[in-house]
Every structure is written in C-alpha cells, then in structure tokens.
C-alpha cells in the first residue's frame, strides 16, 4: 500500500514539474534602432485543448500569429501590435484563434 501511495505522489510531482510552459515573447521595435514603416499586416494562429487537457499548438500560437504578420508584410517587426482572440468549442476540444495586426517595420542598416 505504501509503495502505491509513493508511486501516485511521484507521478503527481512529475506531472507538475514537467507541465506546459512557454518562453517570454518580445513584441514591438528594438529600442534605439532606426526603422521605416512599410505598411499594415496581420496574422492568425490556432491552438486547441483536446479533452480540455492536452494542449496542441497552444503555447506558440501568439508567436506564430506575430511571425505570420511580420512575414506577410515582408518586414522585421510590428509597431503597435493589436491582439484579438476568439474561442470555439466542440465535443472533445476547445479552440483558440489569435489574430495579430499592426504596422510592419523594416530596420535601417
């Protein structure tokens, strides 16, 4: 019995320690660098929580939407990014759609 309890505690501790995580994301121009505004662009990315427990594309969807907007505008960064999020539900999943838009900038050499 004691081994079973220790096993459950160890499994719970491993689950907490190795849970979902993501890295910080920098948005906006790099301070001190000169840039030129090219135009407006937008990007979208979707993440899903399968069975409301298993994340699929959740931790990186903001970065994917941001990168898509920058790539679409053929620039280096976004100035004054605006972030909008929408949700949808199905029987076995929750979906989250992130929409990022802003002014695309290109850094001067």
C-alpha atoms as a PDB file:
ATOM      1  CA  UNK A   1       0.000   0.000   0.000  1.00  0.00           C
ATOM      2  CA  UNK A   2       2.799   2.381   0.898  1.00  0.00           C
ATOM      3  CA  UNK A   3       4.510   1.773  -2.465  1.00  0.00           C
ATOM      4  CA  UNK A   4       1.288   2.605  -4.288  1.00  0.00           C
ATOM      5  CA  UNK A   5       0.911   5.894  -2.408  1.00  0.00           C
ATOM      6  CA  UNK A   6       4.548   6.818  -3.074  1.00  0.00           C
ATOM      7  CA  UNK A   7       4.044   5.953  -6.754  1.00  0.00           C
ATOM      8  CA  UNK A   8       0.996   8.211  -7.008  1.00  0.00           C
ATOM      9  CA  UNK A   9       2.840  11.055  -5.252  1.00  0.00           C
ATOM     10  CA  UNK A  10       5.858  10.625  -7.555  1.00  0.00           C
ATOM     11  CA  UNK A  11       3.621  10.603 -10.635  1.00  0.00           C
ATOM     12  CA  UNK A  12       1.814  13.738  -9.447  1.00  0.00           C
ATOM     13  CA  UNK A  13       5.102  15.521  -8.724  1.00  0.00           C
ATOM     14  CA  UNK A  14       6.488  14.602 -12.163  1.00  0.00           C
ATOM     15  CA  UNK A  15       3.311  15.899 -13.809  1.00  0.00           C
ATOM     16  CA  UNK A  16       3.576  19.249 -12.034  1.00  0.00           C
ATOM     17  CA  UNK A  17       7.298  19.677 -12.689  1.00  0.00           C
ATOM     18  CA  UNK A  18       7.115  18.769 -16.399  1.00  0.00           C
ATOM     19  CA  UNK A  19       3.851  20.587 -17.197  1.00  0.00           C
ATOM     20  CA  UNK A  20       3.233  23.023 -20.039  1.00  0.00           C
ATOM     21  CA  UNK A  21       5.499  26.029 -20.335  1.00  0.00           C
ATOM     22  CA  UNK A  22       6.469  28.639 -22.882  1.00  0.00           C
ATOM     23  CA  UNK A  23       9.135  31.290 -23.308  1.00  0.00           C
ATOM     24  CA  UNK A  24       8.667  35.058 -22.988  1.00  0.00           C
ATOM     25  CA  UNK A  25       7.962  36.878 -26.252  1.00  0.00           C
ATOM     26  CA  UNK A  26       9.275  40.314 -27.247  1.00  0.00           C
ATOM     27  CA  UNK A  27       6.847  42.458 -29.235  1.00  0.00           C
ATOM     28  CA  UNK A  28       7.493  45.802 -30.866  1.00  0.00           C
ATOM     29  CA  UNK A  29      10.607  47.543 -32.155  1.00  0.00           C
ATOM     30  CA  UNK A  30      14.040  47.143 -30.618  1.00  0.00           C
ATOM     31  CA  UNK A  31      14.824  50.299 -28.617  1.00  0.00           C
ATOM     32  CA  UNK A  32      17.456  52.545 -30.203  1.00  0.00           C
ATOM     33  CA  UNK A  33      17.235  51.079 -33.724  1.00  0.00           C
ATOM     34  CA  UNK A  34      16.063  53.216 -36.636  1.00  0.00           C
ATOM     35  CA  UNK A  35      13.233  51.815 -38.725  1.00  0.00           C
ATOM     36  CA  UNK A  36      10.882  52.596 -41.584  1.00  0.00           C
ATOM     37  CA  UNK A  37       7.147  51.783 -41.553  1.00  0.00           C
ATOM     38  CA  UNK A  38       6.317  49.637 -44.593  1.00  0.00           C
ATOM     39  CA  UNK A  39       2.574  49.075 -44.195  1.00  0.00           C
ATOM     40  CA  UNK A  40      -0.053  47.093 -42.324  1.00  0.00           C
ATOM     41  CA  UNK A  41      -0.225  43.308 -41.982  1.00  0.00           C
ATOM     42  CA  UNK A  42      -1.976  40.658 -39.954  1.00  0.00           C
ATOM     43  CA  UNK A  43      -1.517  37.044 -38.941  1.00  0.00           C
ATOM     44  CA  UNK A  44      -3.600  34.289 -37.369  1.00  0.00           C
ATOM     45  CA  UNK A  45      -2.823  31.097 -35.478  1.00  0.00           C
ATOM     46  CA  UNK A  46      -4.984  28.457 -33.818  1.00  0.00           C
ATOM     47  CA  UNK A  47      -4.377  26.358 -30.726  1.00  0.00           C
ATOM     48  CA  UNK A  48      -6.510  23.505 -29.398  1.00  0.00           C
ATOM     49  CA  UNK A  49      -7.102  21.975 -25.969  1.00  0.00           C
ATOM     50  CA  UNK A  50      -8.055  18.359 -26.685  1.00  0.00           C
ATOM     51  CA  UNK A  51     -10.330  16.932 -23.974  1.00  0.00           C
ATOM     52  CA  UNK A  52      -9.730  20.263 -22.186  1.00  0.00           C
ATOM     53  CA  UNK A  53      -6.411  18.792 -21.032  1.00  0.00           C
ATOM     54  CA  UNK A  54      -3.992  18.156 -23.931  1.00  0.00           C
ATOM     55  CA  UNK A  55      -2.606  21.380 -25.494  1.00  0.00           C
ATOM     56  CA  UNK A  56      -1.973  21.298 -29.249  1.00  0.00           C
ATOM     57  CA  UNK A  57      -0.269  24.428 -30.589  1.00  0.00           C
ATOM     58  CA  UNK A  58      -1.342  26.444 -27.543  1.00  0.00           C
ATOM     59  CA  UNK A  59       1.989  27.672 -26.216  1.00  0.00           C
ATOM     60  CA  UNK A  60       3.268  29.056 -29.520  1.00  0.00           C
ATOM     61  CA  UNK A  61       0.142  30.488 -31.151  1.00  0.00           C
ATOM     62  CA  UNK A  62       0.870  34.120 -30.223  1.00  0.00           C
ATOM     63  CA  UNK A  63       4.388  33.817 -31.659  1.00  0.00           C
ATOM     64  CA  UNK A  64       3.096  32.056 -34.811  1.00  0.00           C
ATOM     65  CA  UNK A  65       0.479  34.776 -35.435  1.00  0.00           C
ATOM     66  CA  UNK A  66       3.038  37.542 -34.820  1.00  0.00           C
ATOM     67  CA  UNK A  67       5.607  35.921 -37.134  1.00  0.00           C
ATOM     68  CA  UNK A  68       2.970  35.399 -39.838  1.00  0.00           C
ATOM     69  CA  UNK A  69       2.087  39.110 -39.739  1.00  0.00           C
ATOM     70  CA  UNK A  70       5.752  40.146 -39.979  1.00  0.00           C
ATOM     71  CA  UNK A  71       6.409  37.680 -42.814  1.00  0.00           C
ATOM     72  CA  UNK A  72       3.279  38.751 -44.706  1.00  0.00           C
ATOM     73  CA  UNK A  73       4.408  42.378 -44.542  1.00  0.00           C
ATOM     74  CA  UNK A  74       7.982  41.437 -45.579  1.00  0.00           C
ATOM     75  CA  UNK A  75       9.445  43.336 -42.645  1.00  0.00           C
ATOM     76  CA  UNK A  76      11.413  42.779 -39.464  1.00  0.00           C
ATOM     77  CA  UNK A  77       8.934  43.611 -36.685  1.00  0.00           C
ATOM     78  CA  UNK A  78       5.499  45.047 -35.842  1.00  0.00           C
ATOM     79  CA  UNK A  79       4.851  48.508 -34.438  1.00  0.00           C
ATOM     80  CA  UNK A  80       1.840  48.871 -32.087  1.00  0.00           C
ATOM     81  CA  UNK A  81       0.618  45.278 -32.423  1.00  0.00           C
ATOM     82  CA  UNK A  82      -3.064  44.642 -31.669  1.00  0.00           C
ATOM     83  CA  UNK A  83      -4.030  41.188 -30.408  1.00  0.00           C
ATOM     84  CA  UNK A  84      -7.526  39.733 -30.654  1.00  0.00           C
ATOM     85  CA  UNK A  85      -8.575  36.278 -29.518  1.00  0.00           C
ATOM     86  CA  UNK A  86     -11.645  34.200 -30.320  1.00  0.00           C
ATOM     87  CA  UNK A  87     -12.757  30.832 -28.970  1.00  0.00           C
ATOM     88  CA  UNK A  88     -14.740  27.907 -30.319  1.00  0.00           C
ATOM     89  CA  UNK A  89     -15.945  24.684 -28.740  1.00  0.00           C
ATOM     90  CA  UNK A  90     -16.628  21.173 -29.980  1.00  0.00           C
ATOM     91  CA  UNK A  91     -17.489  17.928 -28.197  1.00  0.00           C
ATOM     92  CA  UNK A  92     -13.920  16.942 -27.363  1.00  0.00           C
ATOM     93  CA  UNK A  93     -11.946  20.176 -27.751  1.00  0.00           C
ATOM     94  CA  UNK A  94     -11.744  23.910 -27.174  1.00  0.00           C
ATOM     95  CA  UNK A  95     -10.128  26.031 -29.886  1.00  0.00           C
ATOM     96  CA  UNK A  96      -8.460  29.417 -29.554  1.00  0.00           C
ATOM     97  CA  UNK A  97      -7.756  31.650 -32.568  1.00  0.00           C
ATOM     98  CA  UNK A  98      -5.285  34.505 -32.093  1.00  0.00           C
ATOM     99  CA  UNK A  99      -5.304  37.417 -34.542  1.00  0.00           C
ATOM    100  CA  UNK A 100      -2.381  39.879 -34.545  1.00  0.00           C
ATOM    101  CA  UNK A 101      -2.274  43.031 -36.672  1.00  0.00           C
ATOM    102  CA  UNK A 102      -0.100  46.110 -36.773  1.00  0.00           C
ATOM    103  CA  UNK A 103       2.257  48.303 -38.778  1.00  0.00           C
ATOM    104  CA  UNK A 104       5.150  46.351 -40.282  1.00  0.00           C
ATOM    105  CA  UNK A 105       8.563  47.973 -39.915  1.00  0.00           C
ATOM    106  CA  UNK A 106      11.924  47.357 -41.572  1.00  0.00           C
ATOM    107  CA  UNK A 107      15.090  48.205 -39.645  1.00  0.00           C
ATOM    108  CA  UNK A 108      17.557  50.545 -41.353  1.00  0.00           C
ATOM    109  CA  UNK A 109      21.099  49.200 -41.789  1.00  0.00           C
END
